[in-house]
Amino acid sequence: MNTRIASKALAVVLLLVVPPLRDPTWAQQPADAAVVERFHIAVNQYVSLHRQFERYLPPPLDFTDPREAERSMRAMAEALRRARPLALEGNIFRGGIAISIREALAFAVHRADPKCQRALGDVLAVPQLSVWSETVNDVFPWAMSRILPTCIEDALPVLPVELQYRIVGPDLVLIDLHANLIVDILRDALPEFTR
């Protein structure tokens, strides 16, 4: 089977296995809808891969022993790294979606109420324990980040439960919660005036 036919077949299978995520408030215009659809396809492809491995590796929440949870996270991360050895920044946050996310975050920060501004200030004030040098497929540095304020997270496309957005400095990071793995990074995602 040639590569082109195989990749189209894989895309069809992935779309059937993992239903596409929809976020009607995110895509306001037809051009935006195509960009968001490509983002959701990339996210769904990753999540489909995650779920294949998760069938064989118990999630860490099922363990009362932290060492077992850590072993499960490491096993999941290693399986995903082997499956995505060439993963680079921009595999998911690519092209138009990167532009759209930066614009949405700038708009959300600009219109944020004082409570949200304070919460965002707390997120951005997290002390940097070291230079943020992590890349895709690295372990996520939890001490360097905080959960996004709801008013900012609502400006972003909805994610499946396996993934979460985090902010480290000005960068938006997409992480796999079970694997504790950096899936993608959008550098300089936050507008200049938040720094």
Protein backbone atom coordinates (compact mmCIF):
# COMPACT_ATOMS: atom_id res chain seq x y z
CA MET A 1 0.00 0.00 0.00
CA ASN A 2 1.50 3.33 -0.91
CA THR A 3 2.17 5.93 1.80
CA ARG A 4 -0.39 8.46 0.60
CA ILE A 5 -3.24 5.91 0.64
CA ALA A 6 -2.09 4.60 4.03
CA SER A 7 -2.06 8.07 5.60
CA LYS A 8 -5.52 8.89 4.20
CA ALA A 9 -6.82 5.58 5.55
CA LEU A 10 -5.27 6.34 8.95
CA ALA A 11 -6.87 9.81 8.98
CA VAL A 12 -10.31 8.29 8.23
CA VAL A 13 -9.85 5.67 10.97
CA LEU A 14 -8.77 8.33 13.48
CA LEU A 15 -11.77 10.49 12.66
CA LEU A 16 -14.04 7.50 13.25
CA VAL A 17 -12.33 6.41 16.48
CA VAL A 18 -12.05 9.86 18.07
CA PRO A 19 -15.01 12.10 17.21
CA PRO A 20 -13.91 15.60 16.19
CA LEU A 21 -14.07 18.19 18.92
CA ARG A 22 -16.33 21.13 18.16
CA ASP A 23 -16.18 24.55 19.68
CA PRO A 24 -18.74 26.69 17.86
CA THR A 25 -17.83 29.89 19.71
CA TRP A 26 -14.16 29.54 18.71
CA ALA A 27 -14.64 29.52 14.93
CA GLN A 28 -16.53 32.70 14.06
CA GLN A 29 -15.81 32.88 10.34
CA PRO A 30 -15.56 30.27 7.56
CA ALA A 31 -11.78 30.77 7.21
CA ASP A 32 -11.40 30.29 10.97
CA ALA A 33 -13.50 27.11 10.82
CA ALA A 34 -10.98 25.44 8.49
CA VAL A 35 -8.07 26.45 10.73
CA VAL A 36 -9.82 25.14 13.84
CA GLU A 37 -10.77 21.93 12.05
CA ARG A 38 -7.09 21.26 11.23
CA PHE A 39 -6.23 21.93 14.90
CA HIS A 40 -8.91 19.48 16.07
CA ILE A 41 -7.71 16.84 13.60
CA ALA A 42 -4.13 17.16 14.93
CA VAL A 43 -5.37 17.01 18.55
CA ASN A 44 -7.61 14.03 17.79
CA GLN A 45 -4.74 12.16 16.12
CA TYR A 46 -2.60 12.65 19.22
CA VAL A 47 -5.45 11.67 21.57
CA SER A 48 -6.18 8.54 19.54
CA LEU A 49 -2.54 7.50 19.95
CA HIS A 50 -2.71 8.32 23.69
CA ARG A 51 -5.85 6.20 24.11
CA GLN A 52 -4.29 3.24 22.30
CA PHE A 53 -1.45 3.18 24.84
CA GLU A 54 -3.71 3.95 27.78
CA ARG A 55 -5.65 0.72 27.19
CA TYR A 56 -2.54 -1.16 28.25
CA LEU A 57 -1.21 1.21 30.91
CA PRO A 58 -3.38 1.93 33.96
CA PRO A 59 -3.95 5.62 34.67
CA PRO A 60 -2.11 7.05 37.69
CA LEU A 61 -5.37 8.03 39.40
CA ASP A 62 -6.08 4.34 40.03
CA PHE A 63 -3.06 4.01 42.29
CA THR A 64 -2.73 4.80 45.97
CA ASP A 65 1.03 4.34 45.78
CA PRO A 66 2.79 7.42 44.31
CA ARG A 67 5.63 5.22 43.03
CA GLU A 68 3.15 3.19 40.96
CA ALA A 69 1.64 6.39 39.60
CA GLU A 70 5.10 7.64 38.65
CA ARG A 71 5.89 4.34 36.91
CA SER A 72 2.65 4.56 34.94
CA MET A 73 3.40 8.15 33.87
CA ARG A 74 6.93 7.25 32.79
CA ALA A 75 5.69 4.23 30.82
CA MET A 76 3.04 6.31 29.06
CA ALA A 77 5.51 9.09 28.27
CA GLU A 78 8.05 6.63 26.90
CA ALA A 79 5.46 4.93 24.69
CA LEU A 80 4.36 8.31 23.30
CA ARG A 81 7.96 9.43 22.71
CA ARG A 82 8.68 6.23 20.77
CA ALA A 83 5.51 6.73 18.73
CA ARG A 84 6.36 10.40 18.00
CA PRO A 85 10.17 10.51 17.75
CA LEU A 86 10.16 13.40 15.28
CA ALA A 87 7.56 15.55 17.09
CA LEU A 88 8.54 19.22 16.96
CA GLU A 89 7.08 22.49 18.12
CA GLY A 90 4.32 23.46 15.76
CA ASN A 91 3.07 19.93 15.01
CA ILE A 92 -0.25 20.91 16.61
CA PHE A 93 0.07 24.70 17.06
CA ARG A 94 0.82 25.19 13.38
CA GLY A 95 0.16 27.88 10.82
CA GLY A 96 -3.18 29.60 11.13
CA ILE A 97 -4.05 28.13 14.53
CA ALA A 98 -0.97 29.73 16.10
CA ILE A 99 -2.03 33.12 14.71
CA SER A 100 -5.65 32.58 15.79
CA ILE A 101 -4.66 31.55 19.32
CA ARG A 102 -2.36 34.56 19.75
CA GLU A 103 -5.15 36.87 18.55
CA ALA A 104 -7.72 35.19 20.82
CA LEU A 105 -5.42 35.47 23.84
CA ALA A 106 -4.67 39.13 23.09
CA PHE A 107 -8.40 39.84 22.84
CA ALA A 108 -9.17 37.87 26.03
CA VAL A 109 -6.45 39.66 28.01
CA HIS A 110 -7.57 43.04 26.66
CA ARG A 111 -11.23 42.52 27.67
CA ALA A 112 -10.52 40.67 30.94
CA ASP A 113 -12.20 42.00 34.06
CA PRO A 114 -10.05 43.03 37.07
CA LYS A 115 -10.47 39.63 38.77
CA CYS A 116 -9.20 37.84 35.65
CA GLN A 117 -6.36 40.37 35.27
CA ARG A 118 -5.26 39.58 38.85
CA ALA A 119 -5.47 35.83 38.22
CA LEU A 120 -3.44 36.21 35.03
CA GLY A 121 -0.92 38.35 36.95
CA ASP A 122 -0.57 35.47 39.46
CA VAL A 123 0.04 33.02 36.62
CA LEU A 124 2.68 35.25 35.06
CA ALA A 125 4.33 35.91 38.44
CA VAL A 126 5.27 32.25 38.95
CA PRO A 127 8.99 32.29 39.68
CA GLN A 128 11.10 30.78 36.94
CA LEU A 129 13.18 28.13 38.73
CA SER A 130 15.44 27.86 35.71
CA VAL A 131 15.50 29.01 32.16
CA TRP A 132 12.49 27.61 30.32
CA SER A 133 14.28 25.41 27.82
CA GLU A 134 12.01 22.38 27.60
CA THR A 135 10.89 21.12 24.22
CA VAL A 136 8.24 18.79 22.82
CA ASN A 137 8.39 15.30 24.38
CA ASP A 138 10.10 16.61 27.54
CA VAL A 139 8.64 16.16 31.03
CA PHE A 140 6.47 19.14 31.93
CA PRO A 141 7.95 21.41 34.68
CA TRP A 142 4.90 21.80 36.94
CA ALA A 143 6.68 24.16 39.36
CA MET A 144 7.04 26.74 36.57
CA SER A 145 3.34 27.00 35.69
CA ARG A 146 -0.19 27.51 36.94
CA ILE A 147 -3.65 26.69 35.61
CA LEU A 148 -4.96 29.35 33.25
CA PRO A 149 -7.66 31.66 34.57
CA THR A 150 -11.06 30.61 33.19
CA CYS A 151 -11.50 33.89 31.32
CA ILE A 152 -8.30 33.16 29.38
CA GLU A 153 -8.86 29.43 28.93
CA ASP A 154 -12.33 30.12 27.50
CA ALA A 155 -10.64 31.98 24.64
CA LEU A 156 -8.90 28.77 23.53
CA PRO A 157 -10.23 25.76 21.60
CA VAL A 158 -11.72 23.07 23.83
CA LEU A 159 -9.44 20.11 24.55
CA PRO A 160 -10.21 16.47 25.40
CA VAL A 161 -9.70 15.46 29.03
CA GLU A 162 -6.28 13.92 28.32
CA LEU A 163 -4.79 17.33 27.46
CA GLN A 164 -4.49 20.69 29.19
CA TYR A 165 -3.18 24.16 28.41
CA ARG A 166 -0.59 25.72 30.72
CA ILE A 167 1.34 28.98 30.58
CA VAL A 168 5.08 29.13 31.23
CA GLY A 169 6.28 32.71 30.92
CA PRO A 170 4.81 34.04 27.66
CA ASP A 171 4.48 30.54 26.14
CA LEU A 172 1.35 28.39 25.84
CA VAL A 173 2.10 24.73 26.50
CA LEU A 174 -0.08 21.78 25.55
CA ILE A 175 0.48 18.92 27.98
CA ASP A 176 -0.59 15.30 28.27
CA LEU A 177 -1.76 14.89 31.87
CA HIS A 178 -1.33 11.11 32.20
CA ALA A 179 2.11 11.11 30.58
CA ASN A 180 3.24 14.41 32.15
CA LEU A 181 4.54 15.16 28.67
CA ILE A 182 4.87 18.35 26.62
CA VAL A 183 2.85 17.74 23.45
CA ASP A 184 3.45 21.15 21.83
CA ILE A 185 4.55 24.69 22.69
CA LEU A 186 3.35 27.95 21.21
CA ARG A 187 6.13 30.43 21.94
CA ASP A 188 5.20 34.03 22.76
CA ALA A 189 1.50 33.20 22.86
CA LEU A 190 0.61 35.94 25.32
CA PRO A 191 0.47 39.52 24.17
CA GLU A 192 3.43 41.79 24.88
CA PHE A 193 1.59 43.96 27.41
CA THR A 194 1.02 41.04 29.81
CA ARG A 195 4.76 40.72 30.44
